[in-house]
Protein backbone atom coordinates (compact mmCIF):
# COMPACT_ATOMS: atom_id res chain seq x y z
CA UNK A 1 3.90 8.61 6.93
CA UNK A 2 3.11 4.93 7.14
CA UNK A 3 2.43 2.19 4.65
CA UNK A 4 0.85 -1.29 4.25
CA UNK A 5 -2.23 -2.87 5.84
CA UNK A 6 -2.13 -4.45 9.26
CA UNK A 7 -2.86 -8.19 9.25
CA UNK A 8 -4.10 -8.41 12.88
CA UNK A 9 -2.38 -9.12 16.12
CA UNK A 10 -2.62 -12.87 15.79
CA UNK A 11 0.46 -13.52 17.85
CA UNK A 12 -1.37 -12.32 20.97
CA UNK A 13 -4.37 -14.51 20.19
CA UNK A 14 -2.18 -17.60 20.01
CA UNK A 15 -0.52 -17.08 23.39
CA UNK A 16 -3.13 -15.12 25.37
CA UNK A 17 -3.82 -16.42 28.82
CA UNK A 18 -7.41 -15.20 28.47
CA UNK A 19 -10.19 -17.18 26.78
CA UNK A 20 -11.16 -15.25 23.64
CA UNK A 21 -14.95 -14.93 23.51
CA UNK A 22 -17.54 -13.31 21.34
CA UNK A 23 -17.85 -9.72 20.16
CA UNK A 24 -17.60 -6.96 22.81
CA UNK A 25 -20.74 -5.67 24.52
CA UNK A 26 -22.68 -3.23 22.30
CA UNK A 27 -21.96 -0.54 24.94
CA UNK A 28 -18.27 -0.65 24.09
CA UNK A 29 -16.86 2.20 22.02
CA UNK A 30 -14.09 2.44 19.43
CA UNK A 31 -11.41 4.84 20.50
CA UNK A 32 -9.42 6.21 17.53
CA UNK A 33 -6.44 8.55 17.43
CA UNK A 34 -3.72 9.26 14.92
CA UNK A 35 -1.94 5.95 14.48
CA UNK A 36 -4.25 3.44 16.18
CA UNK A 37 -7.77 2.35 17.11
CA UNK A 38 -8.99 0.15 19.97
CA UNK A 39 -12.34 -0.97 21.41
CA UNK A 40 -12.94 -0.04 25.07
CA UNK A 41 -15.57 -0.84 27.72
CA UNK A 42 -17.60 2.09 29.11
CA UNK A 43 -15.56 4.44 31.29
CA UNK A 44 -12.10 3.31 30.10
CA UNK A 45 -9.54 5.96 29.10
CA UNK A 46 -6.66 5.86 26.60
CA UNK A 47 -3.45 7.83 26.97
CA UNK A 48 -0.90 7.40 24.15
CA UNK A 49 2.71 8.39 24.89
CA UNK A 50 3.99 9.63 21.49
CA UNK A 51 7.58 9.93 22.72
CA UNK A 52 7.85 6.32 23.86
CA UNK A 53 5.32 4.93 21.39
CA UNK A 54 3.00 2.97 23.68
CA UNK A 55 -0.76 3.24 24.34
CA UNK A 56 -1.81 3.10 28.01
CA UNK A 57 -5.41 2.03 28.77
CA UNK A 58 -6.93 2.37 32.23
CA UNK A 59 -10.22 0.80 33.42
CA UNK A 60 -12.77 1.91 35.95
CA UNK A 61 -11.72 -0.68 38.59
CA UNK A 62 -7.96 -0.38 38.40
CA UNK A 63 -7.43 -2.44 35.27
CA UNK A 64 -4.24 -1.56 33.38
CA UNK A 65 -3.36 -2.33 29.78
CA UNK A 66 -0.23 -1.30 27.86
CA UNK A 67 0.28 -1.96 24.10
CA UNK A 68 3.73 -1.06 22.81
CA UNK A 69 4.89 -1.57 19.23
CA UNK A 70 8.71 -1.33 19.12
CA UNK A 71 11.55 -1.66 16.65
CA UNK A 72 15.00 -2.84 17.72
CA UNK A 73 17.58 -1.93 15.00
CA UNK A 74 20.42 -4.26 14.13
CA UNK A 75 20.70 -7.59 12.31
CA UNK A 76 21.14 -9.56 15.56
CA UNK A 77 18.82 -7.46 17.74
CA UNK A 78 17.12 -10.59 19.19
CA UNK A 79 19.54 -13.42 18.47
CA UNK A 80 18.52 -15.88 21.16
CA UNK A 81 16.15 -16.64 24.00
CA UNK A 82 18.29 -14.86 26.66
CA UNK A 83 18.41 -11.64 24.65
CA UNK A 84 14.62 -11.78 24.11
CA UNK A 85 14.05 -12.32 27.87
CA UNK A 86 16.26 -9.32 28.62
CA UNK A 87 14.37 -7.04 26.19
CA UNK A 88 11.04 -8.33 27.58
CA UNK A 89 11.95 -7.44 31.16
CA UNK A 90 13.36 -4.04 30.14
CA UNK A 91 10.15 -3.11 28.35
CA UNK A 92 8.09 -4.28 31.32
CA UNK A 93 10.20 -2.14 33.70
CA UNK A 94 9.77 0.91 31.50
CA UNK A 95 5.98 0.70 31.44
CA UNK A 96 3.79 2.97 33.60
CA UNK A 97 2.55 -0.17 35.42
CA UNK A 98 5.18 -1.55 37.80
CA UNK A 99 5.31 -5.15 39.07
CA UNK A 100 7.65 -7.89 40.16
CA UNK A 101 8.02 -10.13 37.08
CA UNK A 102 8.89 -13.75 36.80
CA UNK A 103 11.44 -14.90 34.23
CA UNK A 104 9.69 -14.82 30.78
CA UNK A 105 8.96 -18.23 29.33
CA UNK A 106 8.81 -19.24 25.72
CA UNK A 107 5.22 -20.09 24.63
CA UNK A 108 5.71 -20.25 20.89
CA UNK A 109 8.11 -19.32 18.05
CA UNK A 110 9.50 -15.85 18.85
CA UNK A 111 7.00 -15.31 21.68
CA UNK A 112 7.57 -14.98 25.43
CA UNK A 113 5.08 -14.62 28.32
CA UNK A 114 5.66 -13.57 31.94
CA UNK A 115 3.51 -13.20 35.03
CA UNK A 116 3.84 -10.42 37.55
CA UNK A 117 2.41 -9.16 40.86
CA UNK A 118 2.14 -5.76 42.48
CA UNK A 119 0.46 -5.51 45.89
CA UNK A 120 -3.05 -6.88 45.25
CA UNK A 121 -2.71 -6.82 41.47
CA UNK A 122 -2.00 -9.68 39.00
CA UNK A 123 -0.44 -8.98 35.58
CA UNK A 124 0.54 -10.84 32.45
CA UNK A 125 2.93 -9.55 29.76
CA UNK A 126 3.70 -10.91 26.31
CA UNK A 127 6.68 -10.10 24.01
CA UNK A 128 6.47 -11.29 20.37
CA UNK A 129 8.81 -10.35 17.51
CA UNK A 130 9.76 -10.86 13.88
CA UNK A 131 13.47 -10.45 12.91
CA UNK A 132 14.99 -9.28 9.62
CA UNK A 133 18.38 -8.24 8.37
CA UNK A 134 17.55 -4.63 9.21
CA UNK A 135 16.30 -5.16 12.74
CA UNK A 136 13.46 -6.66 14.78
CA UNK A 137 9.87 -5.48 14.85
CA UNK A 138 8.05 -6.48 18.03
CA UNK A 139 4.97 -5.97 20.17
CA UNK A 140 4.92 -5.80 23.95
CA UNK A 141 1.56 -6.30 25.70
CA UNK A 142 0.70 -5.94 29.35
CA UNK A 143 -2.63 -6.55 31.08
CA UNK A 144 -3.30 -6.22 34.78
CA UNK A 145 -6.29 -6.30 37.12
CA UNK A 146 -6.96 -6.72 40.86
CA UNK A 147 -6.09 -10.25 41.94
CA UNK A 148 -9.66 -10.95 43.12
CA UNK A 149 -11.10 -9.75 39.78
CA UNK A 150 -8.45 -11.02 37.39
CA UNK A 151 -10.24 -14.17 36.26
CA UNK A 152 -13.54 -12.34 35.83
CA UNK A 153 -11.89 -9.52 33.83
CA UNK A 154 -9.69 -11.64 31.58
CA UNK A 155 -12.31 -11.89 28.82
CA UNK A 156 -12.61 -8.14 28.51
CA UNK A 157 -8.80 -7.71 28.65
CA UNK A 158 -8.35 -10.22 25.83
CA UNK A 159 -10.96 -8.47 23.65
CA UNK A 160 -9.31 -5.10 24.18
CA UNK A 161 -5.92 -6.43 23.10
CA UNK A 162 -7.46 -8.32 20.16
CA UNK A 163 -9.22 -5.18 18.94
CA UNK A 164 -6.08 -3.00 18.79
CA UNK A 165 -5.15 -1.87 15.31
CA UNK A 166 -2.49 0.37 13.88
CA UNK A 167 -3.99 2.66 11.30
CA UNK A 168 -2.78 5.50 9.11
CA UNK A 169 -2.15 8.74 10.85
CA UNK A 170 -4.23 10.76 8.40
CA UNK A 171 -4.53 14.44 9.09
CA UNK A 172 -7.93 16.13 8.65
CA UNK A 173 -8.57 17.03 5.05
CA UNK A 174 -8.42 20.72 4.33
CA UNK A 175 -11.82 22.31 3.76
CA UNK A 176 -13.64 19.63 5.73
CA UNK A 177 -13.82 15.85 5.74
CA UNK A 178 -14.32 13.67 2.67
CA UNK A 179 -16.87 10.94 2.16
CA UNK A 180 -15.40 7.68 0.87
CA UNK A 181 -16.95 4.98 -1.30
CA UNK A 182 -15.72 1.53 -2.22
CA UNK A 183 -14.13 1.07 -5.64
CA UNK A 184 -14.07 -2.50 -6.98
CA UNK A 185 -11.45 -3.73 -9.43
CA UNK A 186 -13.40 -3.67 -12.74
CA UNK A 187 -11.02 -6.08 -14.53
CA UNK A 188 -11.04 -9.23 -12.50
CA UNK A 189 -12.81 -8.34 -9.24
CA UNK A 190 -9.49 -8.95 -7.43
CA UNK A 191 -9.87 -6.28 -4.71
CA UNK A 192 -11.69 -3.20 -3.44
CA UNK A 193 -10.35 0.06 -2.07
CA UNK A 194 -11.91 3.16 -0.56
CA UNK A 195 -11.76 6.36 -2.69
CA UNK A 196 -13.27 9.81 -2.25
CA UNK A 197 -16.84 10.17 -3.47
CA UNK A 198 -17.08 12.50 -6.43
CA UNK A 199 -13.43 12.01 -7.50
CA UNK A 200 -12.55 10.57 -10.89
CA UNK A 201 -11.16 7.09 -10.26
CA UNK A 202 -9.83 4.41 -12.57
CA UNK A 203 -7.49 1.42 -12.68
CA UNK A 204 -7.69 -2.14 -11.41
CA UNK A 205 -5.60 -5.30 -11.68
CA UNK A 206 -3.01 -5.37 -14.46
CA UNK A 207 -1.11 -8.34 -15.83
CA UNK A 208 2.40 -8.01 -17.16
CA UNK A 209 2.21 -11.74 -17.96
CA UNK A 210 -0.15 -14.58 -17.07
CA UNK A 211 1.79 -15.00 -13.81
CA UNK A 212 2.79 -11.38 -12.91
CA UNK A 213 -0.02 -9.07 -11.66
CA UNK A 214 -0.21 -5.80 -9.80
CA UNK A 215 -2.92 -3.39 -8.80
CA UNK A 216 -2.96 0.24 -9.82
CA UNK A 217 -5.52 2.89 -8.83
CA UNK A 218 -5.51 6.58 -9.73
CA UNK A 219 -8.01 9.07 -8.34
CA UNK A 220 -8.22 12.76 -9.27
CA UNK A 221 -10.01 15.53 -7.40
CA UNK A 222 -13.00 17.19 -9.10
CA UNK A 223 -10.92 20.24 -10.02
CA UNK A 224 -8.12 18.07 -11.45
CA UNK A 225 -5.50 19.68 -9.24
CA UNK A 226 -4.83 16.70 -6.89
CA UNK A 227 -3.94 13.18 -7.94
CA UNK A 228 -3.41 10.18 -5.61
CA UNK A 229 -2.05 6.88 -6.81
CA UNK A 230 -1.71 3.32 -5.52
CA UNK A 231 0.62 1.47 -7.84
CA UNK A 232 1.10 2.48 -11.44
CA UNK A 233 -0.06 0.62 -14.57
CA UNK A 234 2.80 1.96 -16.66
CA UNK A 235 5.69 0.84 -14.49
CA UNK A 236 6.84 -2.76 -13.97
CA UNK A 237 6.76 -4.29 -10.48
CA UNK A 238 8.57 -7.60 -10.99
CA UNK A 239 12.27 -7.71 -11.82
CA UNK A 240 15.27 -9.97 -11.97
CA UNK A 241 18.87 -9.03 -11.18
CA UNK A 242 21.78 -11.07 -12.45
CA UNK A 243 24.16 -12.33 -9.78
CA UNK A 244 27.92 -11.71 -9.89
CA UNK A 245 29.59 -14.51 -11.82
CA UNK A 246 26.54 -15.27 -14.02
CA UNK A 247 27.73 -16.78 -17.34
CA UNK A 248 27.78 -14.16 -20.14
CA UNK A 249 25.54 -16.22 -22.38
CA UNK A 250 22.76 -16.13 -19.73
CA UNK A 251 22.79 -12.38 -19.03
CA UNK A 252 20.08 -10.35 -20.80
CA UNK A 253 20.47 -6.55 -21.31
CA UNK A 254 18.88 -4.34 -18.64
CA UNK A 255 15.29 -3.55 -19.63
CA UNK A 256 14.64 -6.95 -21.20
CA UNK A 257 11.18 -8.42 -20.44
CA UNK A 258 11.45 -12.08 -19.39
CA UNK A 259 7.91 -13.45 -18.94
CA UNK A 260 6.82 -10.24 -17.25
CA UNK A 261 9.98 -9.81 -15.19
CA UNK A 262 12.15 -6.84 -16.19
CA UNK A 263 15.95 -7.22 -16.05
CA UNK A 264 17.11 -4.44 -13.73
CA UNK A 265 19.55 -3.95 -10.88
CA UNK A 266 17.93 -3.92 -7.42
CA UNK A 267 16.47 -0.58 -6.29
CA UNK A 268 15.79 0.32 -2.68
CA UNK A 269 12.37 1.82 -1.84
CA UNK A 270 13.72 5.34 -2.11
CA UNK A 271 15.56 4.60 -5.39
CA UNK A 272 12.40 3.12 -6.85
CA UNK A 273 10.54 6.30 -5.95
CA UNK A 274 13.22 8.26 -7.84
CA UNK A 275 12.81 5.87 -10.79
CA UNK A 276 9.06 6.51 -10.65
CA UNK A 277 9.48 10.29 -10.59
CA UNK A 278 11.93 10.22 -13.49
CA UNK A 279 9.62 7.98 -15.51
CA UNK A 280 6.24 9.60 -14.89
CA UNK A 281 6.27 13.11 -13.43
CA UNK A 282 8.14 15.01 -16.22
CA UNK A 283 5.35 14.09 -18.71
CA UNK A 284 3.02 16.54 -17.02
CA UNK A 285 4.99 18.46 -14.37
CA UNK A 286 8.24 20.37 -15.07
CA UNK A 287 11.09 21.58 -12.90
CA UNK A 288 11.01 18.46 -10.72
CA UNK A 289 13.09 18.91 -7.54
CA UNK A 290 13.60 16.20 -4.91
CA UNK A 291 13.34 17.91 -1.50
CA UNK A 292 13.80 14.88 0.78
CA UNK A 293 14.64 11.18 0.53
CA UNK A 294 14.59 8.52 3.23
CA UNK A 295 15.41 4.81 3.13
CA UNK A 296 14.47 2.46 5.94
CA UNK A 297 13.21 4.89 8.57
CA UNK A 298 12.66 2.88 11.80
CA UNK A 299 8.95 3.60 12.10
CA UNK A 300 8.24 2.25 8.59
CA UNK A 301 10.48 -0.80 9.09
CA UNK A 302 8.77 -1.61 12.38
CA UNK A 303 5.28 -1.24 10.94
CA UNK A 304 6.00 -3.29 7.87
CA UNK A 305 7.45 -6.21 9.88
CA UNK A 306 4.60 -6.14 12.40
CA UNK A 307 2.05 -6.29 9.60
CA UNK A 308 3.78 -8.87 7.43
CA UNK A 309 6.17 -11.10 9.47
CA UNK A 310 7.04 -13.00 6.25
CA UNK A 311 9.13 -9.96 5.26
CA UNK A 312 11.67 -11.28 7.75
CA UNK A 313 12.45 -14.02 5.21
CA UNK A 314 13.37 -11.50 2.51
CA UNK A 315 15.72 -8.63 1.94
CA UNK A 316 13.45 -5.58 1.87
CA UNK A 317 13.64 -1.80 2.03
CA UNK A 318 11.09 0.99 2.49
CA UNK A 319 11.85 4.43 1.23
CA UNK A 320 10.16 7.71 0.53
CA UNK A 321 10.75 10.76 -1.63
CA UNK A 322 9.25 14.29 -1.29
CA UNK A 323 9.40 16.52 -4.35
CA UNK A 324 8.20 19.77 -5.91
CA UNK A 325 7.40 20.68 -9.49
CA UNK A 326 5.34 23.07 -11.67
CA UNK A 327 2.24 21.92 -13.58
CA UNK A 328 1.12 24.42 -16.23
CA UNK A 329 3.02 27.11 -14.30
CA UNK A 330 1.39 26.28 -10.94
CA UNK A 331 3.57 25.03 -8.01
CA UNK A 332 2.86 21.49 -6.91
CA UNK A 333 4.22 19.25 -4.18
CA UNK A 334 4.25 15.47 -4.04
CA UNK A 335 5.22 12.43 -2.09
CA UNK A 336 6.08 8.84 -3.00
CA UNK A 337 6.64 5.82 -0.70
CA UNK A 338 7.62 2.32 -1.87
CA UNK A 339 8.55 -1.06 -0.47
CA UNK A 340 10.86 -3.28 -2.51
CA UNK A 341 11.93 -6.76 -1.54
CA UNK A 342 14.50 -9.18 -2.91
CA UNK A 343 14.39 -13.00 -2.57
CA UNK A 344 17.10 -14.65 -0.57
CA UNK A 345 19.52 -16.48 -2.93
CA UNK A 346 19.27 -20.25 -3.04
CA UNK A 347 22.65 -21.62 -4.24
CA UNK A 348 21.22 -25.11 -4.60
CA UNK A 349 19.03 -23.89 -7.51
CA UNK A 350 22.11 -22.58 -9.37
CA UNK A 351 20.16 -19.67 -10.94
CA UNK A 352 22.17 -16.87 -12.56
CA UNK A 353 19.72 -14.26 -11.28
CA UNK A 354 17.61 -13.32 -8.25
CA UNK A 355 14.10 -11.95 -8.33
CA UNK A 356 12.92 -8.77 -6.67
CA UNK A 357 9.66 -6.84 -6.82
CA UNK A 358 7.79 -3.77 -5.68
CA UNK A 359 5.28 -4.73 -3.01
CA UNK A 360 3.86 -1.29 -2.35
CA UNK A 361 3.77 2.07 -4.12
CA UNK A 362 1.71 5.03 -2.92
CA UNK A 363 1.93 8.71 -3.65
CA UNK A 364 0.25 12.00 -4.49
CA UNK A 365 0.75 15.34 -6.18
CA UNK A 366 -1.20 18.39 -5.13
CA UNK A 367 -1.06 22.15 -4.85
CA UNK A 368 0.31 23.45 -1.53
CA UNK A 369 -3.18 24.01 -0.06
CA UNK A 370 -4.24 20.49 -0.96
CA UNK A 371 -1.37 18.48 0.55
CA UNK A 372 -3.18 17.60 3.77
CA UNK A 373 -6.20 16.36 1.84
CA UNK A 374 -4.09 14.35 -0.60
CA UNK A 375 -2.20 12.70 2.30
CA UNK A 376 -5.46 11.79 4.00
CA UNK A 377 -6.78 10.20 0.79
CA UNK A 378 -3.53 8.27 0.22
CA UNK A 379 -3.58 6.84 3.74
CA UNK A 380 -7.23 5.88 3.53
CA UNK A 381 -6.62 4.08 0.24
CA UNK A 382 -3.55 2.30 1.70
CA UNK A 383 -5.41 1.08 4.79
CA UNK A 384 -8.63 -0.01 3.03
CA UNK A 385 -7.34 -2.46 0.39
CA UNK A 386 -9.35 -5.69 0.67
CA UNK A 387 -8.41 -8.69 -1.53
CA UNK A 388 -11.27 -10.86 -2.89
CA UNK A 389 -10.55 -14.29 -1.44
CA UNK A 390 -12.60 -15.99 -4.20
CA UNK A 391 -10.44 -14.30 -6.83
CA UNK A 392 -7.34 -15.48 -4.92
CA UNK A 393 -8.50 -19.09 -5.01
CA UNK A 394 -9.28 -18.83 -8.74
CA UNK A 395 -5.86 -17.40 -9.30
CA UNK A 396 -4.15 -20.34 -7.61
CA UNK A 397 -6.29 -22.86 -9.43
CA UNK A 398 -5.74 -21.22 -12.84
CA UNK A 399 -1.97 -21.03 -12.52
CA UNK A 400 -1.55 -24.63 -13.68
CA UNK A 401 -3.80 -24.12 -16.70
CA UNK A 402 -1.92 -21.00 -17.77
CA UNK A 403 1.35 -22.78 -17.49
CA UNK A 404 0.19 -25.56 -19.81
CA UNK A 405 -1.17 -23.00 -22.31
CA UNK A 406 2.10 -21.07 -22.38
CA UNK A 407 4.22 -24.21 -22.84
CA UNK A 408 2.73 -24.78 -26.33
CA UNK A 409 2.41 -21.16 -27.38
CA UNK A 410 5.75 -20.86 -29.19
CA UNK A 411 5.26 -23.94 -31.35
CA UNK A 412 1.68 -23.01 -32.20
CA UNK A 413 2.64 -19.48 -33.34
CA UNK A 414 5.54 -20.73 -35.36
CA UNK A 415 3.29 -23.23 -37.13
CA UNK A 416 0.77 -20.54 -38.01
CA UNK A 417 3.52 -18.33 -39.50
CA UNK A 418 4.97 -21.15 -41.59
CA UNK A 419 1.57 -22.14 -43.02
CA UNK A 420 0.42 -18.66 -43.98
CA UNK A 421 1.96 -16.88 -46.99
CA UNK A 422 -0.25 -13.86 -46.27
CA UNK A 423 1.12 -13.70 -42.74
CA UNK A 424 4.72 -13.79 -44.02
CA UNK A 425 3.98 -11.04 -46.59
CA UNK A 426 2.44 -8.86 -43.87
CA UNK A 427 5.47 -9.41 -41.66
CA UNK A 428 7.84 -8.50 -44.47
CA UNK A 429 5.88 -5.30 -45.21
CA UNK A 430 5.83 -4.35 -41.59
CA UNK A 431 9.54 -5.01 -41.21
CA UNK A 432 10.20 -2.72 -44.17
CA UNK A 433 8.10 0.06 -42.60
CA UNK A 434 9.69 -0.40 -39.21
CA UNK A 435 13.12 -0.23 -40.80
CA UNK A 436 12.23 3.06 -42.42
CA UNK A 437 10.82 4.45 -39.20
CA UNK A 438 13.77 3.14 -37.24
CA UNK A 439 16.06 5.22 -39.47
CA UNK A 440 13.98 8.30 -38.58
CA UNK A 441 13.39 7.12 -35.02
CA UNK A 442 9.59 7.67 -35.30
CA UNK A 443 6.30 5.73 -35.36
CA UNK A 444 3.26 6.93 -37.34
CA UNK A 445 0.00 7.01 -35.37
CA UNK A 446 -3.68 7.99 -35.92
CA UNK A 447 -6.26 9.06 -33.33
CA UNK A 448 -9.42 7.13 -34.23
CA UNK A 449 -11.54 9.67 -32.38
CA UNK A 450 -10.41 12.68 -34.45
CA UNK A 451 -8.66 11.16 -37.51
CA UNK A 452 -5.55 13.21 -36.67
CA UNK A 453 -2.26 11.61 -37.73
CA UNK A 454 0.99 12.21 -35.87
CA UNK A 455 4.56 10.84 -35.66
CA UNK A 456 6.18 10.09 -32.33
CA UNK A 457 9.50 8.69 -31.17
CA UNK A 458 9.74 4.97 -31.54
CA UNK A 459 10.39 2.55 -28.66
CA UNK A 460 6.97 1.60 -27.25
CA UNK A 461 4.53 -1.10 -28.16
CA UNK A 462 1.37 0.99 -27.46
CA UNK A 463 0.56 4.67 -27.46
CA UNK A 464 -2.10 6.71 -25.71
CA UNK A 465 -3.34 10.30 -25.72
CA UNK A 466 -5.30 12.30 -23.13
CA UNK A 467 -7.70 15.28 -23.43
CA UNK A 468 -4.74 17.66 -23.32
CA UNK A 469 -3.03 16.04 -26.28
CA UNK A 470 -0.22 14.50 -24.19
CA UNK A 471 0.97 11.24 -25.71
CA UNK A 472 2.43 8.38 -23.63
CA UNK A 473 4.02 5.16 -24.78
CA UNK A 474 3.67 1.81 -22.94
CA UNK A 475 4.73 -1.79 -23.45
CA UNK A 476 1.44 -3.25 -22.14
CA UNK A 477 -2.02 -3.06 -23.65
CA UNK A 478 -3.56 -1.31 -20.62
CA UNK A 479 -4.60 2.33 -20.39
CA UNK A 480 -2.22 4.47 -18.28
CA UNK A 481 -5.09 6.46 -16.76
CA UNK A 482 -8.73 7.36 -16.86
CA UNK A 483 -8.24 10.20 -19.31
CA UNK A 484 -6.26 8.27 -21.99
CA UNK A 485 -7.54 6.66 -25.18
CA UNK A 486 -5.60 4.33 -27.53
CA UNK A 487 -3.81 5.62 -30.62
CA UNK A 488 -3.48 3.21 -33.54
CA UNK A 489 -0.30 2.65 -35.51
CA UNK A 490 -0.73 3.32 -39.21
CA UNK A 491 -0.44 0.19 -41.37
CA UNK A 492 2.57 -0.27 -43.67
CA UNK A 493 2.37 1.63 -46.97
């Protein structure tokens, strides 16, 4: 399983010895296999080596291309130029194309390039990497052609390398392929994502505060047996963890909401998946059993760093959980994968806490015969997220305005309360009602669609009910799913 969208192999473009030109000839074809896609000229062949992890491309006139994503575990895997040169030459020697290589030279931050020769062939190799506390994610590229043709072929070689993409290794959906359509965020137009045609889909962009947002999409199969999620509207994604030695007067209890950031100890990706399962799954699926849990598997660490080099400046983890449960007596299986990252402490700021957030959450729950289809849908959703750049610009421009609005909110609300006797009376009545309900530990609700009244356990700000009568409580005024409608709290008597 893999996670997070690839941002393009820009490192190669910056250091390529080939002049990048226009789009490939229309006769070129896109070769796709589980894990990658690449555009090839007519007659070229692709041979992936799944054991070593490279893709070997061979042309019709002796051209040779190797693309090799790698992960080197260890905090100091590539500590200096000499270590990087050694790794570069070792990767070149292990490739199916053999040449005599010059000493690799630095051509940019964390990027080396070397030239090589073999009989009448000329070759170029590039090694580029991004380091983190867990290890180093890197790409090794090799392109070779006959010496007499190298200059003529360099444009095609560059376009082949530029077109290479890692993609989700989605297995064929059981019962045939699915047709996908684009689902646009209905709330703010922030993003689009591919979902299966005919499935029931809802969600969008949610705001825990004016400054804290996250996307959440849920799509259900027509028979209601399979559910695939990207994010979750009910669960927070931004947190703050108090540092050892923080003054007691500054520490807030765990669970406190501070401007959209929840006070909570740091959770790894796998631990957050457990938190997700404990918070959400028991409400509709019983007998939950975790069957497998992984944190920081090398293939996910490598892919995440190659897609987002900025992760190297954070402390991050990727983890997954597989589980089983029973929904209405029927066996179900599920999967969750999450990436959490924590900011690097800055002592000069003298903050008593450090922020961390969930930067990716995907999962599914399905009957045994629908697992392959659910996984295919999850991977397609993960790889198809496209952010609306216009929304992004508006978000940046509006941040200053929201900050100014919030700065005066407390004084304005306080003034309204002091000037309104009716407001104070309503507050007093409500406090009396809440005190009574707090003694019983319940909140009185009414369903506006049916007029049915009910009492539920207190503790949430908003309550919702679905077509099965299941009631959920949330602390944000956003529907937890496409099937839920809002319940209203009865006014004080």
